[in-house]
């Protein structure tokens, strides 16, 4: 069994980016508030504590943005981030996630039909590596993986999908067409139960090059 979780570095960079964006929005709204304050005189000029209606609306928007940052980035994001976990073993991948409700997805490695890897610039330092595994009827997304975990997961999948681990072995004298065997040996009952989703003979993960 191999267990992986999202790298904390990714959460720190998300929080930093959200903080910078929030500060920029609040600064822009404050400039707009100053402009509105000069453009629209107060309803009661002699009472400086009374704001004009447009200025009140802008201040409310600023409070809402600041509150969203505190709730989403400081409270919700850390809990959701820590819930992401991926377990590889016994020929299957299990993904755990959830904030309020706990959800998990299970996929046989032999049923994987397509895999895509997305790595952002400087992903070695930010852990912005994403793997999407697609199979018949669903997919699994592995989010915010460290550079080392991403490479190790791909290697585990490639090793499982390699010919050495193929569930069927066909003698060389069997008829073939363009390298594909036309006959399969007799399968066990367990093989028959998973044959609908078993596409191990159709996919090779050696096409995915190792990243530096």
Protein backbone atom coordinates (compact mmCIF):
# COMPACT_ATOMS: atom_id res chain seq x y z
CA UNK A 1 0.00 0.00 0.00
CA UNK A 2 1.21 3.47 -0.92
CA UNK A 3 -0.47 6.53 0.59
CA UNK A 4 -0.15 10.05 -0.78
CA UNK A 5 -1.64 13.37 0.25
CA UNK A 6 -1.65 16.88 -1.15
CA UNK A 7 1.52 18.80 -0.38
CA UNK A 8 1.05 21.63 2.10
CA UNK A 9 3.22 23.93 0.02
CA UNK A 10 0.42 24.18 -2.51
CA UNK A 11 -2.00 25.45 0.15
CA UNK A 12 0.45 28.10 1.30
CA UNK A 13 0.84 29.44 -2.22
CA UNK A 14 -2.94 29.44 -2.73
CA UNK A 15 -3.39 31.39 0.50
CA UNK A 16 -0.67 33.85 -0.51
CA UNK A 17 -2.20 34.40 -3.94
CA UNK A 18 -5.67 34.87 -2.42
CA UNK A 19 -4.26 37.36 0.10
CA UNK A 20 -2.58 39.44 -2.62
CA UNK A 21 -5.73 39.43 -4.78
CA UNK A 22 -7.91 40.39 -1.80
CA UNK A 23 -5.61 43.26 -0.85
CA UNK A 24 -5.63 44.54 -4.44
CA UNK A 25 -9.43 44.41 -4.60
CA UNK A 26 -9.79 46.19 -1.27
CA UNK A 27 -7.31 48.87 -2.37
CA UNK A 28 -9.21 49.41 -5.62
CA UNK A 29 -12.51 49.65 -3.73
CA UNK A 30 -10.99 52.12 -1.31
CA UNK A 31 -9.89 54.33 -4.22
CA UNK A 32 -13.40 54.09 -5.61
CA UNK A 33 -14.80 54.98 -2.20
CA UNK A 34 -12.65 58.13 -2.05
CA UNK A 35 -13.82 59.11 -5.52
CA UNK A 36 -17.47 58.57 -4.58
CA UNK A 37 -16.95 60.54 -1.37
CA UNK A 38 -15.85 63.56 -3.41
CA UNK A 39 -18.29 63.04 -6.28
CA UNK A 40 -21.40 62.61 -4.15
CA UNK A 41 -21.57 65.00 -1.16
CA UNK A 42 -22.86 63.68 2.13
CA UNK A 43 -26.56 63.91 2.81
CA UNK A 44 -25.85 65.87 6.00
CA UNK A 45 -22.73 67.99 5.41
CA UNK A 46 -22.57 69.17 8.98
CA UNK A 47 -22.41 65.57 10.31
CA UNK A 48 -19.26 63.99 8.92
CA UNK A 49 -20.03 60.58 10.38
CA UNK A 50 -22.97 60.16 8.01
CA UNK A 51 -21.92 58.58 4.71
CA UNK A 52 -23.61 58.86 1.34
CA UNK A 53 -25.47 55.81 0.10
CA UNK A 54 -22.97 54.90 -2.67
CA UNK A 55 -20.12 55.13 -0.18
CA UNK A 56 -21.97 52.87 2.25
CA UNK A 57 -22.46 50.27 -0.49
CA UNK A 58 -18.75 50.24 -1.34
CA UNK A 59 -17.81 49.84 2.32
CA UNK A 60 -20.20 46.89 2.60
CA UNK A 61 -18.59 45.25 -0.45
CA UNK A 62 -15.15 45.68 1.12
CA UNK A 63 -16.36 44.02 4.32
CA UNK A 64 -17.83 41.13 2.33
CA UNK A 65 -14.55 40.51 0.46
CA UNK A 66 -12.55 40.58 3.68
CA UNK A 67 -15.00 38.17 5.34
CA UNK A 68 -14.88 35.76 2.39
CA UNK A 69 -11.10 35.68 2.59
CA UNK A 70 -11.15 34.87 6.29
CA UNK A 71 -13.80 32.16 6.00
CA UNK A 72 -12.71 30.46 2.78
CA UNK A 73 -8.93 30.78 2.88
CA UNK A 74 -8.30 30.66 6.62
CA UNK A 75 -10.95 28.12 7.67
CA UNK A 76 -12.41 26.07 4.79
CA UNK A 77 -9.32 25.63 2.60
CA UNK A 78 -7.06 24.05 5.26
CA UNK A 79 -9.72 21.51 6.27
CA UNK A 80 -10.52 20.56 2.67
CA UNK A 81 -6.85 20.40 1.75
CA UNK A 82 -6.00 18.05 4.61
CA UNK A 83 -8.85 15.70 3.61
CA UNK A 84 -7.28 14.87 0.22
CA UNK A 85 -5.65 11.44 0.31
CA UNK A 86 -4.80 8.81 -2.30
CA UNK A 87 -4.06 5.12 -1.65
CA UNK A 88 -2.53 2.81 -4.25
CA UNK A 89 -2.42 -0.92 -3.63
CA UNK A 90 -3.93 -4.30 -4.55
CA UNK A 91 -4.24 -3.21 -8.16
CA UNK A 92 -6.50 -0.24 -7.47
CA UNK A 93 -6.42 3.46 -6.64
CA UNK A 94 -8.63 4.94 -3.92
CA UNK A 95 -9.12 8.70 -3.61
CA UNK A 96 -10.49 10.23 -0.41
CA UNK A 97 -11.84 13.78 -0.13
CA UNK A 98 -14.56 15.76 1.57
CA UNK A 99 -15.20 18.64 3.91
CA UNK A 100 -18.66 18.16 5.38
CA UNK A 101 -19.34 14.73 3.89
CA UNK A 102 -16.65 12.13 3.27
CA UNK A 103 -16.41 10.82 -0.30
CA UNK A 104 -14.10 8.32 -1.94
CA UNK A 105 -13.58 6.92 -5.45
CA UNK A 106 -12.09 3.55 -6.39
CA UNK A 107 -10.56 2.68 -9.77
CA UNK A 108 -8.75 -0.46 -10.90
CA UNK A 109 -5.38 0.35 -12.40
CA UNK A 110 -6.03 -2.18 -15.16
CA UNK A 111 -9.14 -0.26 -16.24
CA UNK A 112 -7.36 3.07 -16.81
CA UNK A 113 -7.81 4.18 -20.40
CA UNK A 114 -6.22 7.62 -20.32
CA UNK A 115 -3.96 9.59 -18.01
CA UNK A 116 -3.02 13.25 -18.18
CA UNK A 117 -0.53 15.19 -16.07
CA UNK A 118 -0.62 18.97 -15.61
CA UNK A 119 2.34 20.72 -14.00
CA UNK A 120 2.48 24.47 -13.67
CA UNK A 121 5.74 26.44 -13.92
CA UNK A 122 7.89 26.04 -10.78
CA UNK A 123 5.72 23.08 -9.74
CA UNK A 124 8.79 21.63 -8.03
CA UNK A 125 8.47 24.40 -5.45
CA UNK A 126 4.72 25.09 -5.50
CA UNK A 127 3.45 21.45 -5.71
CA UNK A 128 0.96 22.44 -8.40
CA UNK A 129 0.98 18.99 -10.01
CA UNK A 130 -2.28 17.36 -11.07
CA UNK A 131 -2.97 13.85 -12.40
CA UNK A 132 -6.25 12.88 -14.06
CA UNK A 133 -6.97 9.17 -14.55
CA UNK A 134 -9.89 8.28 -16.82
CA UNK A 135 -11.64 4.94 -17.15
CA UNK A 136 -14.91 3.66 -18.49
CA UNK A 137 -17.63 5.54 -16.61
CA UNK A 138 -15.56 7.88 -14.45
CA UNK A 139 -12.27 9.50 -13.56
CA UNK A 140 -10.08 10.32 -10.58
CA UNK A 141 -8.25 13.60 -10.07
CA UNK A 142 -5.17 13.70 -7.86
CA UNK A 143 -4.61 17.31 -6.80
CA UNK A 144 -1.67 19.38 -5.57
CA UNK A 145 0.90 16.60 -5.54
CA UNK A 146 4.54 17.21 -4.79
CA UNK A 147 6.96 16.72 -7.66
CA UNK A 148 8.36 13.54 -6.12
CA UNK A 149 4.93 12.01 -5.39
CA UNK A 150 3.73 12.79 -8.91
CA UNK A 151 6.68 10.96 -10.48
CA UNK A 152 6.33 8.02 -8.07
CA UNK A 153 2.61 7.60 -8.77
CA UNK A 154 3.23 7.57 -12.53
CA UNK A 155 6.00 5.01 -12.07
CA UNK A 156 3.74 2.74 -10.01
CA UNK A 157 1.06 2.88 -12.70
CA UNK A 158 3.56 2.26 -15.51
CA UNK A 159 5.08 -0.69 -13.67
CA UNK A 160 1.65 -2.22 -13.14
CA UNK A 161 0.66 -1.70 -16.78
CA UNK A 162 3.94 -3.03 -18.17
CA UNK A 163 3.93 -6.39 -20.03
CA UNK A 164 5.65 -8.08 -17.07
CA UNK A 165 2.48 -7.57 -15.03
CA UNK A 166 -0.05 -8.34 -17.75
CA UNK A 167 -2.74 -10.73 -16.43
CA UNK A 168 -2.54 -12.84 -19.63
CA UNK A 169 0.49 -14.45 -21.31
CA UNK A 170 0.17 -15.58 -24.93
CA UNK A 171 2.71 -17.90 -26.62
CA UNK A 172 4.57 -16.50 -29.64
CA UNK A 173 3.05 -19.08 -32.02
CA UNK A 174 -0.50 -17.75 -31.53
CA UNK A 175 -1.94 -15.84 -34.50
CA UNK A 176 -1.51 -12.07 -34.33
CA UNK A 177 -2.28 -8.97 -36.36
CA UNK A 178 0.07 -5.98 -36.21
CA UNK A 179 1.43 -7.20 -32.90
CA UNK A 180 -2.01 -7.76 -31.25
CA UNK A 181 -2.81 -11.30 -30.19
CA UNK A 182 -6.00 -12.68 -31.67
CA UNK A 183 -6.53 -15.31 -28.97
CA UNK A 184 -6.49 -15.09 -25.22
CA UNK A 185 -5.80 -17.92 -22.79
CA UNK A 186 -8.55 -19.19 -20.58
CA UNK A 187 -9.31 -16.81 -17.72
CA UNK A 188 -10.22 -17.42 -14.10
CA UNK A 189 -13.56 -16.48 -12.55
CA UNK A 190 -12.03 -13.36 -11.02
CA UNK A 191 -10.70 -12.31 -14.43
CA UNK A 192 -14.16 -12.72 -15.99
CA UNK A 193 -15.72 -10.43 -13.39
CA UNK A 194 -13.38 -7.58 -14.27
CA UNK A 195 -12.95 -8.23 -17.99
CA UNK A 196 -15.54 -5.58 -18.90
CA UNK A 197 -13.31 -2.87 -17.47
CA UNK A 198 -9.91 -4.41 -18.15
CA UNK A 199 -8.13 -2.52 -20.90
CA UNK A 200 -4.60 -3.31 -19.77
CA UNK A 201 -3.65 -4.64 -23.22
CA UNK A 202 -4.69 -1.38 -24.90
CA UNK A 203 -2.65 1.21 -23.02
CA UNK A 204 0.99 1.86 -22.25
CA UNK A 205 2.15 4.51 -19.82
CA UNK A 206 5.66 4.54 -21.24
CA UNK A 207 4.46 7.34 -23.53
CA UNK A 208 4.57 9.67 -20.51
CA UNK A 209 8.11 10.96 -20.27
CA UNK A 210 9.79 11.58 -16.96
CA UNK A 211 9.83 15.29 -16.14
CA UNK A 212 13.07 16.90 -14.95
